Amino acid sequence: MPDQPDLGQLMAQAQQMQEQLMAAQAEAAEKVVEGQAGGGVVRVAVTGGMEFRSVTIDPAAVDPEDVDMLQDLVLAALHDAMAKVGEMQEGLTSGLGLGGLGGLLG
């Protein structure tokens, strides 16, 4: 009969992993990343907890004749910021030894 895993030990390990994940999520929520577009003329700051902190637009990017371009730059900066949040979260959870589970749990 093969050795059965100790259920108590497995539960303790799962609890420890959950606590580490929660700590990593709390750490990410406090960090601020910045997305940029147009060479930095539009910048968006967002926390790892997905809280948008600021939008900065260089006055040189404001052309009343081309509002569509400014809207595209803001959207591109948002996408850039969210990609950086995803990278940050992936980096924090990869150190927990969760393998591919990090993305599913957080």
C-alpha atoms as a PDB file:
ATOM      1  CA  MET A   1       0.000   0.000   0.000  1.00  0.00           C
ATOM      2  CA  PRO A   2       1.569   3.309  -1.060  1.00  0.00           C
ATOM      3  CA  ASP A   3       2.106   6.001   1.559  1.00  0.00           C
ATOM      4  CA  GLN A   4      -0.933   8.216   1.863  1.00  0.00           C
ATOM      5  CA  PRO A   5      -0.273  11.955   2.036  1.00  0.00           C
ATOM      6  CA  ASP A   6      -0.871  13.476   5.448  1.00  0.00           C
ATOM      7  CA  LEU A   7      -4.116  15.428   5.029  1.00  0.00           C
ATOM      8  CA  GLY A   8      -3.272  17.732   7.919  1.00  0.00           C
ATOM      9  CA  GLN A   9       0.085  18.570   6.377  1.00  0.00           C
ATOM     10  CA  LEU A  10      -1.531  19.240   2.994  1.00  0.00           C
ATOM     11  CA  MET A  11      -4.089  21.529   4.617  1.00  0.00           C
ATOM     12  CA  ALA A  12      -1.339  23.415   6.471  1.00  0.00           C
ATOM     13  CA  GLN A  13       0.592  23.875   3.219  1.00  0.00           C
ATOM     14  CA  ALA A  14      -2.542  25.099   1.442  1.00  0.00           C
ATOM     15  CA  GLN A  15      -3.206  27.571   4.276  1.00  0.00           C
ATOM     16  CA  GLN A  16       0.384  28.827   4.110  1.00  0.00           C
ATOM     17  CA  MET A  17       0.149  29.289   0.332  1.00  0.00           C
ATOM     18  CA  GLN A  18      -3.132  31.175   0.733  1.00  0.00           C
ATOM     19  CA  GLU A  19      -1.560  33.489   3.318  1.00  0.00           C
ATOM     20  CA  GLN A  20       1.424  34.125   1.033  1.00  0.00           C
ATOM     21  CA  LEU A  21      -0.912  34.877  -1.870  1.00  0.00           C
ATOM     22  CA  MET A  22      -2.941  37.295   0.223  1.00  0.00           C
ATOM     23  CA  ALA A  23       0.254  39.059   1.337  1.00  0.00           C
ATOM     24  CA  ALA A  24       1.427  39.301  -2.280  1.00  0.00           C
ATOM     25  CA  GLN A  25      -1.931  40.724  -3.343  1.00  0.00           C
ATOM     26  CA  ALA A  26      -1.830  43.296  -0.532  1.00  0.00           C
ATOM     27  CA  GLU A  27       1.712  44.262  -1.558  1.00  0.00           C
ATOM     28  CA  ALA A  28       0.639  44.628  -5.204  1.00  0.00           C
ATOM     29  CA  ALA A  29      -2.354  46.754  -4.206  1.00  0.00           C
ATOM     30  CA  GLU A  30       0.015  49.306  -2.651  1.00  0.00           C
ATOM     31  CA  LYS A  31       2.408  49.559  -5.600  1.00  0.00           C
ATOM     32  CA  VAL A  32       1.816  52.138  -8.312  1.00  0.00           C
ATOM     33  CA  VAL A  33       2.799  51.594 -11.941  1.00  0.00           C
ATOM     34  CA  GLU A  34       2.638  54.075 -14.793  1.00  0.00           C
ATOM     35  CA  GLY A  35       1.431  53.420 -18.313  1.00  0.00           C
ATOM     36  CA  GLN A  36       2.502  55.769 -21.088  1.00  0.00           C
ATOM     37  CA  ALA A  37       1.606  56.557 -24.671  1.00  0.00           C
ATOM     38  CA  GLY A  38       2.852  58.936 -27.320  1.00  0.00           C
ATOM     39  CA  GLY A  39       6.364  58.973 -25.945  1.00  0.00           C
ATOM     40  CA  GLY A  40       5.084  59.942 -22.498  1.00  0.00           C
ATOM     41  CA  VAL A  41       2.727  62.783 -23.460  1.00  0.00           C
ATOM     42  CA  VAL A  42      -0.086  60.788 -21.851  1.00  0.00           C
ATOM     43  CA  ARG A  43       0.602  58.984 -18.559  1.00  0.00           C
ATOM     44  CA  VAL A  44      -1.723  56.945 -16.363  1.00  0.00           C
ATOM     45  CA  ALA A  45      -0.866  55.849 -12.803  1.00  0.00           C
ATOM     46  CA  VAL A  46      -2.635  52.778 -11.386  1.00  0.00           C
ATOM     47  CA  THR A  47      -2.117  50.584  -8.333  1.00  0.00           C
ATOM     48  CA  GLY A  48      -1.753  46.830  -8.416  1.00  0.00           C
ATOM     49  CA  GLY A  49      -5.230  46.785  -6.879  1.00  0.00           C
ATOM     50  CA  MET A  50      -6.560  48.358 -10.099  1.00  0.00           C
ATOM     51  CA  GLU A  51      -7.175  51.771  -8.530  1.00  0.00           C
ATOM     52  CA  PHE A  52      -6.448  54.533 -11.016  1.00  0.00           C
ATOM     53  CA  ARG A  53      -4.575  57.337  -9.314  1.00  0.00           C
ATOM     54  CA  SER A  54      -3.949  59.916 -12.016  1.00  0.00           C
ATOM     55  CA  VAL A  55      -4.023  60.815 -15.684  1.00  0.00           C
ATOM     56  CA  THR A  56      -1.463  63.330 -16.919  1.00  0.00           C
ATOM     57  CA  ILE A  57      -1.707  64.875 -20.381  1.00  0.00           C
ATOM     58  CA  ASP A  58       1.020  67.107 -21.760  1.00  0.00           C
ATOM     59  CA  PRO A  59      -0.644  70.260 -23.184  1.00  0.00           C
ATOM     60  CA  ALA A  60       1.285  69.656 -26.422  1.00  0.00           C
ATOM     61  CA  ALA A  61      -0.872  66.549 -26.954  1.00  0.00           C
ATOM     62  CA  VAL A  62      -4.077  68.586 -26.918  1.00  0.00           C
ATOM     63  CA  ASP A  63      -5.096  69.475 -30.460  1.00  0.00           C
ATOM     64  CA  PRO A  64      -8.744  70.600 -30.727  1.00  0.00           C
ATOM     65  CA  GLU A  65      -8.656  69.527 -34.364  1.00  0.00           C
ATOM     66  CA  ASP A  66      -7.625  65.951 -33.489  1.00  0.00           C
ATOM     67  CA  VAL A  67      -9.485  64.852 -30.355  1.00  0.00           C
ATOM     68  CA  ASP A  68      -9.538  61.283 -31.673  1.00  0.00           C
ATOM     69  CA  MET A  69      -5.746  61.097 -31.403  1.00  0.00           C
ATOM     70  CA  LEU A  70      -5.831  62.227 -27.764  1.00  0.00           C
ATOM     71  CA  GLN A  71      -8.518  59.655 -26.973  1.00  0.00           C
ATOM     72  CA  ASP A  72      -6.394  56.941 -28.611  1.00  0.00           C
ATOM     73  CA  LEU A  73      -3.363  58.029 -26.565  1.00  0.00           C
ATOM     74  CA  VAL A  74      -5.333  57.882 -23.299  1.00  0.00           C
ATOM     75  CA  LEU A  75      -6.634  54.425 -24.180  1.00  0.00           C
ATOM     76  CA  ALA A  76      -3.137  53.230 -25.118  1.00  0.00           C
ATOM     77  CA  ALA A  77      -1.758  54.539 -21.804  1.00  0.00           C
ATOM     78  CA  LEU A  78      -4.519  52.679 -19.928  1.00  0.00           C
ATOM     79  CA  HIS A  79      -3.680  49.462 -21.752  1.00  0.00           C
ATOM     80  CA  ASP A  80       0.018  49.943 -21.002  1.00  0.00           C
ATOM     81  CA  ALA A  81      -0.696  50.517 -17.311  1.00  0.00           C
ATOM     82  CA  MET A  82      -2.899  47.423 -17.069  1.00  0.00           C
ATOM     83  CA  ALA A  83      -0.261  45.297 -18.799  1.00  0.00           C
ATOM     84  CA  LYS A  84       2.281  46.480 -16.226  1.00  0.00           C
ATOM     85  CA  VAL A  85      -0.102  45.631 -13.368  1.00  0.00           C
ATOM     86  CA  GLY A  86      -0.469  42.140 -14.827  1.00  0.00           C
ATOM     87  CA  GLU A  87       3.303  41.737 -15.069  1.00  0.00           C
ATOM     88  CA  MET A  88       3.723  42.939 -11.493  1.00  0.00           C
ATOM     89  CA  GLN A  89       1.109  40.518 -10.161  1.00  0.00           C
ATOM     90  CA  GLU A  90       2.606  37.651 -12.133  1.00  0.00           C
ATOM     91  CA  GLY A  91       6.033  38.464 -10.723  1.00  0.00           C
ATOM     92  CA  LEU A  92       4.724  38.532  -7.156  1.00  0.00           C
ATOM     93  CA  THR A  93       2.827  35.243  -7.413  1.00  0.00           C
ATOM     94  CA  SER A  94       5.575  33.416  -9.306  1.00  0.00           C
ATOM     95  CA  GLY A  95       7.737  33.535  -6.211  1.00  0.00           C
ATOM     96  CA  LEU A  96       5.123  31.665  -4.194  1.00  0.00           C
ATOM     97  CA  GLY A  97       5.720  28.321  -5.882  1.00  0.00           C
ATOM     98  CA  LEU A  98       2.176  28.178  -7.225  1.00  0.00           C
ATOM     99  CA  GLY A  99       3.212  27.267 -10.730  1.00  0.00           C
ATOM    100  CA  GLY A 100       0.385  28.069 -13.123  1.00  0.00           C
ATOM    101  CA  LEU A 101      -2.095  28.522 -10.270  1.00  0.00           C
ATOM    102  CA  GLY A 102      -0.998  32.075  -9.468  1.00  0.00           C
ATOM    103  CA  GLY A 103      -3.128  33.581 -12.211  1.00  0.00           C
ATOM    104  CA  LEU A 104      -6.160  31.547 -11.209  1.00  0.00           C
ATOM    105  CA  LEU A 105      -6.015  32.484  -7.562  1.00  0.00           C
ATOM    106  CA  GLY A 106      -5.457  36.205  -7.790  1.00  0.00           C
END
